[in-house]
């Protein structure tokens, strides 16, 4: 599963908890990072380009959007295009490194 598929699947499977921090943290765990390394504030910007409004808007607004654009802590929801990236897996496969 690539990063886009992981993010879309995470948003799909966790509609109430799909915030930037949660998605990024779980992606790091999925990629094999330790919990300590994933929680290190120096790694905060890792993969933030997937959520940036200014990064040529490749994904934000096209594959997922903020539920409440006026609330910076708001979660994300998938667009119709983003739903095409969802991978149907079991929880054990989805969180294989967690």
N, C-alpha and C. Protein backbone atom coordinates (compact mmCIF):
# COMPACT_ATOMS: atom_id res chain seq x y z
N UNK A 1 0.85 -1.16 0.00
CA UNK A 1 0.00 0.00 0.00
C UNK A 1 0.90 1.23 0.00
N UNK A 2 0.66 2.14 -0.92
CA UNK A 2 1.47 3.36 -0.96
C UNK A 2 0.90 4.40 0.01
N UNK A 3 1.57 5.54 0.14
CA UNK A 3 1.16 6.55 1.12
C UNK A 3 -0.24 7.08 0.86
N UNK A 4 -0.57 7.36 -0.39
CA UNK A 4 -1.90 7.87 -0.71
C UNK A 4 -2.98 6.85 -0.36
N UNK A 5 -2.74 5.60 -0.68
CA UNK A 5 -3.70 4.55 -0.34
C UNK A 5 -3.84 4.42 1.17
N UNK A 6 -2.73 4.51 1.88
CA UNK A 6 -2.79 4.41 3.34
C UNK A 6 -3.61 5.56 3.92
N UNK A 7 -3.34 6.78 3.48
CA UNK A 7 -4.05 7.94 4.01
C UNK A 7 -5.55 7.83 3.71
N UNK A 8 -5.90 7.49 2.48
CA UNK A 8 -7.31 7.36 2.11
C UNK A 8 -7.98 6.25 2.92
N UNK A 9 -7.30 5.13 3.10
CA UNK A 9 -7.86 4.02 3.86
C UNK A 9 -8.01 4.40 5.33
N UNK A 10 -7.05 5.13 5.87
CA UNK A 10 -7.14 5.56 7.26
C UNK A 10 -8.32 6.52 7.47
N UNK A 11 -8.49 7.47 6.57
CA UNK A 11 -9.62 8.39 6.67
C UNK A 11 -10.93 7.61 6.56
N UNK A 12 -10.99 6.66 5.65
CA UNK A 12 -12.20 5.85 5.46
C UNK A 12 -12.52 5.01 6.70
N UNK A 13 -11.50 4.41 7.30
CA UNK A 13 -11.70 3.52 8.44
C UNK A 13 -11.86 4.25 9.77
N UNK A 14 -11.45 5.51 9.83
CA UNK A 14 -11.50 6.29 11.08
C UNK A 14 -12.14 7.65 10.83
N UNK A 15 -13.40 7.69 10.44
CA UNK A 15 -14.00 8.98 10.08
C UNK A 15 -14.08 9.97 11.25
N UNK A 16 -14.12 9.48 12.49
CA UNK A 16 -14.22 10.38 13.64
C UNK A 16 -12.86 10.83 14.17
N UNK A 17 -11.78 10.20 13.70
CA UNK A 17 -10.46 10.49 14.25
C UNK A 17 -9.42 10.66 13.14
N UNK A 18 -9.82 11.20 12.02
CA UNK A 18 -8.91 11.34 10.89
C UNK A 18 -8.31 12.74 10.85
N UNK A 19 -7.61 13.11 11.93
CA UNK A 19 -6.93 14.39 11.96
C UNK A 19 -5.54 14.23 11.35
N UNK A 20 -4.92 15.36 11.02
CA UNK A 20 -3.58 15.32 10.45
C UNK A 20 -2.62 14.57 11.35
N UNK A 21 -2.65 14.87 12.64
CA UNK A 21 -1.71 14.23 13.57
C UNK A 21 -1.90 12.72 13.64
N UNK A 22 -3.14 12.29 13.71
CA UNK A 22 -3.42 10.85 13.80
C UNK A 22 -3.03 10.13 12.51
N UNK A 23 -3.33 10.71 11.38
CA UNK A 23 -2.99 10.09 10.09
C UNK A 23 -1.48 9.98 9.95
N UNK A 24 -0.79 11.09 10.23
CA UNK A 24 0.68 11.10 10.10
C UNK A 24 1.33 10.11 11.06
N UNK A 25 0.86 10.07 12.31
CA UNK A 25 1.41 9.15 13.30
C UNK A 25 1.22 7.70 12.86
N UNK A 26 0.02 7.35 12.41
CA UNK A 26 -0.24 5.97 11.99
C UNK A 26 0.50 5.61 10.71
N UNK A 27 0.70 6.57 9.82
CA UNK A 27 1.49 6.31 8.62
C UNK A 27 2.94 6.02 8.99
N UNK A 28 3.47 6.76 9.96
CA UNK A 28 4.84 6.51 10.41
C UNK A 28 4.96 5.10 11.01
N UNK A 29 3.99 4.70 11.83
CA UNK A 29 4.01 3.35 12.40
C UNK A 29 3.92 2.31 11.29
N UNK A 30 3.06 2.55 10.31
CA UNK A 30 2.90 1.62 9.20
C UNK A 30 4.21 1.46 8.42
N UNK A 31 4.96 2.55 8.31
CA UNK A 31 6.23 2.52 7.59
C UNK A 31 7.36 1.92 8.41
N UNK A 32 7.07 1.52 9.66
CA UNK A 32 8.07 0.84 10.46
C UNK A 32 8.78 1.70 11.49
N UNK A 33 8.35 2.94 11.66
CA UNK A 33 8.96 3.81 12.67
C UNK A 33 8.57 3.32 14.05
N UNK A 34 9.43 3.54 15.03
CA UNK A 34 9.09 3.22 16.41
C UNK A 34 8.13 4.30 16.93
N UNK A 35 7.40 3.97 17.99
CA UNK A 35 6.48 4.93 18.58
C UNK A 35 7.24 6.16 19.07
N UNK A 36 8.40 5.94 19.69
CA UNK A 36 9.19 7.06 20.20
C UNK A 36 9.63 7.98 19.07
N UNK A 37 10.08 7.41 17.97
CA UNK A 37 10.54 8.22 16.86
C UNK A 37 9.36 8.96 16.20
N UNK A 38 8.22 8.28 16.10
CA UNK A 38 7.04 8.90 15.49
C UNK A 38 6.51 10.05 16.34
N UNK A 39 6.68 9.97 17.65
CA UNK A 39 6.19 11.02 18.55
C UNK A 39 7.19 12.17 18.73
N UNK A 40 8.39 12.01 18.23
CA UNK A 40 9.42 13.04 18.36
C UNK A 40 8.98 14.30 17.61
N UNK A 41 8.91 15.45 18.29
CA UNK A 41 8.45 16.67 17.63
C UNK A 41 9.31 17.11 16.45
N UNK A 42 10.55 16.65 16.38
CA UNK A 42 11.41 17.02 15.25
C UNK A 42 10.95 16.39 13.95
N UNK A 43 10.09 15.37 14.03
CA UNK A 43 9.59 14.69 12.83
C UNK A 43 8.18 15.17 12.47
N UNK A 44 7.76 16.27 13.02
CA UNK A 44 6.39 16.73 12.86
C UNK A 44 6.01 17.03 11.41
N UNK A 45 6.94 17.52 10.63
CA UNK A 45 6.62 17.89 9.25
C UNK A 45 6.68 16.75 8.26
N UNK A 46 7.01 15.55 8.73
CA UNK A 46 7.15 14.40 7.84
C UNK A 46 5.85 14.14 7.11
N UNK A 47 5.90 14.11 5.80
CA UNK A 47 4.76 13.86 4.92
C UNK A 47 3.66 14.89 5.02
N UNK A 48 3.98 16.09 5.49
CA UNK A 48 2.95 17.13 5.57
C UNK A 48 2.54 17.62 4.19
N UNK A 49 3.33 17.33 3.16
CA UNK A 49 3.00 17.78 1.81
C UNK A 49 1.66 17.20 1.33
N UNK A 50 1.24 16.08 1.88
CA UNK A 50 -0.03 15.48 1.48
C UNK A 50 -1.22 16.31 1.95
N UNK A 51 -1.02 17.16 2.95
CA UNK A 51 -2.12 17.93 3.53
C UNK A 51 -1.99 19.42 3.30
N UNK A 52 -0.89 19.85 2.72
CA UNK A 52 -0.62 21.27 2.52
C UNK A 52 -1.52 21.84 1.43
N UNK A 53 -2.06 23.00 1.72
CA UNK A 53 -2.87 23.69 0.71
C UNK A 53 -1.99 24.35 -0.34
N UNK A 54 -0.75 24.66 0.04
CA UNK A 54 0.13 25.36 -0.86
C UNK A 54 1.03 24.48 -1.71
N UNK A 55 1.09 23.20 -1.43
CA UNK A 55 1.99 22.30 -2.15
C UNK A 55 1.33 21.87 -3.46
N UNK A 56 1.15 22.85 -4.34
CA UNK A 56 0.55 22.63 -5.66
C UNK A 56 -0.83 21.98 -5.57
N UNK A 57 -1.39 21.94 -4.37
CA UNK A 57 -2.73 21.38 -4.13
C UNK A 57 -2.93 20.06 -4.87
N UNK A 58 -1.93 19.20 -4.80
CA UNK A 58 -2.02 17.93 -5.50
C UNK A 58 -3.04 16.99 -4.87
N UNK A 59 -3.19 17.03 -3.53
CA UNK A 59 -4.05 16.07 -2.85
C UNK A 59 -5.12 16.74 -2.02
N UNK A 60 -4.75 17.76 -1.24
CA UNK A 60 -5.71 18.46 -0.40
C UNK A 60 -6.72 19.17 -1.28
N UNK A 61 -7.98 18.88 -1.06
CA UNK A 61 -9.03 19.47 -1.87
C UNK A 61 -9.42 18.61 -3.05
N UNK A 62 -8.58 17.68 -3.41
CA UNK A 62 -8.89 16.78 -4.52
C UNK A 62 -9.21 15.38 -4.02
N UNK A 63 -8.41 14.87 -3.08
CA UNK A 63 -8.64 13.52 -2.55
C UNK A 63 -9.31 13.57 -1.18
N UNK A 64 -9.03 14.60 -0.39
CA UNK A 64 -9.66 14.77 0.92
C UNK A 64 -9.77 16.25 1.23
N UNK A 65 -10.73 16.58 2.07
CA UNK A 65 -10.96 17.96 2.49
C UNK A 65 -11.20 17.97 4.00
N UNK A 66 -10.98 19.14 4.61
CA UNK A 66 -11.26 19.31 6.03
C UNK A 66 -12.77 19.25 6.25
N UNK A 67 -13.18 18.61 7.33
CA UNK A 67 -14.60 18.56 7.66
C UNK A 67 -15.09 19.98 7.99
N UNK A 68 -14.31 20.71 8.78
CA UNK A 68 -14.62 22.10 9.13
C UNK A 68 -13.41 22.95 8.77
N UNK A 69 -13.43 23.62 7.64
CA UNK A 69 -12.26 24.39 7.20
C UNK A 69 -11.86 25.50 8.17
N UNK A 70 -12.76 25.94 9.02
CA UNK A 70 -12.45 27.02 9.96
C UNK A 70 -11.85 26.51 11.26
N UNK A 71 -11.78 25.21 11.44
CA UNK A 71 -11.23 24.61 12.65
C UNK A 71 -9.96 23.85 12.28
N UNK A 72 -8.81 24.36 12.70
CA UNK A 72 -7.55 23.72 12.29
C UNK A 72 -7.37 22.33 12.88
N UNK A 73 -8.12 21.97 13.94
CA UNK A 73 -8.03 20.64 14.53
C UNK A 73 -9.08 19.69 13.96
N UNK A 74 -9.82 20.15 12.99
CA UNK A 74 -10.85 19.34 12.37
C UNK A 74 -10.24 18.18 11.59
N UNK A 75 -10.99 17.10 11.50
CA UNK A 75 -10.53 15.94 10.75
C UNK A 75 -10.76 16.11 9.25
N UNK A 76 -10.44 15.05 8.53
CA UNK A 76 -10.59 15.06 7.08
C UNK A 76 -11.67 14.07 6.65
N UNK A 77 -12.24 14.34 5.48
CA UNK A 77 -13.15 13.38 4.87
C UNK A 77 -12.75 13.24 3.40
N UNK A 78 -13.05 12.08 2.85
CA UNK A 78 -12.65 11.78 1.48
C UNK A 78 -13.61 12.41 0.48
N UNK A 79 -13.07 12.82 -0.64
CA UNK A 79 -13.89 13.23 -1.77
C UNK A 79 -14.22 11.98 -2.58
N UNK A 80 -15.03 12.12 -3.59
CA UNK A 80 -15.34 10.97 -4.45
C UNK A 80 -14.07 10.43 -5.11
N UNK A 81 -13.20 11.31 -5.54
CA UNK A 81 -11.93 10.88 -6.14
C UNK A 81 -11.06 10.17 -5.10
N UNK A 82 -11.06 10.66 -3.86
CA UNK A 82 -10.27 10.05 -2.80
C UNK A 82 -10.73 8.65 -2.45
N UNK A 83 -12.02 8.38 -2.60
CA UNK A 83 -12.56 7.05 -2.29
C UNK A 83 -12.00 5.98 -3.22
N UNK A 84 -11.50 6.39 -4.37
CA UNK A 84 -10.90 5.44 -5.31
C UNK A 84 -9.59 4.88 -4.78
N UNK A 85 -8.97 5.55 -3.82
CA UNK A 85 -7.69 5.12 -3.27
C UNK A 85 -7.83 4.21 -2.05
N UNK A 86 -9.05 4.01 -1.56
CA UNK A 86 -9.27 3.18 -0.38
C UNK A 86 -8.97 1.73 -0.72
N UNK A 87 -8.17 1.08 0.14
CA UNK A 87 -7.83 -0.32 -0.02
C UNK A 87 -8.62 -1.10 1.02
N UNK A 88 -9.35 -2.09 0.60
CA UNK A 88 -10.12 -2.91 1.52
C UNK A 88 -9.21 -3.96 2.13
N UNK A 89 -8.92 -3.78 3.43
CA UNK A 89 -8.05 -4.70 4.15
C UNK A 89 -8.67 -5.00 5.50
N UNK A 90 -8.13 -6.01 6.14
CA UNK A 90 -8.55 -6.29 7.51
C UNK A 90 -7.72 -5.43 8.44
N UNK A 91 -8.16 -5.24 9.67
CA UNK A 91 -7.42 -4.41 10.62
C UNK A 91 -6.01 -4.94 10.85
N UNK A 92 -5.82 -6.27 10.86
CA UNK A 92 -4.50 -6.82 11.11
C UNK A 92 -3.53 -6.44 10.00
N UNK A 93 -3.97 -6.47 8.74
CA UNK A 93 -3.10 -6.08 7.65
C UNK A 93 -2.88 -4.57 7.64
N UNK A 94 -3.92 -3.84 7.97
CA UNK A 94 -3.88 -2.37 7.92
C UNK A 94 -2.86 -1.83 8.93
N UNK A 95 -2.86 -2.36 10.12
CA UNK A 95 -1.93 -1.89 11.15
C UNK A 95 -0.84 -2.95 11.39
N UNK A 96 -0.20 -3.38 10.34
CA UNK A 96 0.74 -4.47 10.45
C UNK A 96 1.94 -4.18 11.35
N UNK A 97 2.34 -2.92 11.47
CA UNK A 97 3.50 -2.58 12.29
C UNK A 97 3.14 -1.91 13.59
N UNK A 98 1.89 -1.69 13.84
CA UNK A 98 1.49 -0.96 15.07
C UNK A 98 1.56 -1.86 16.28
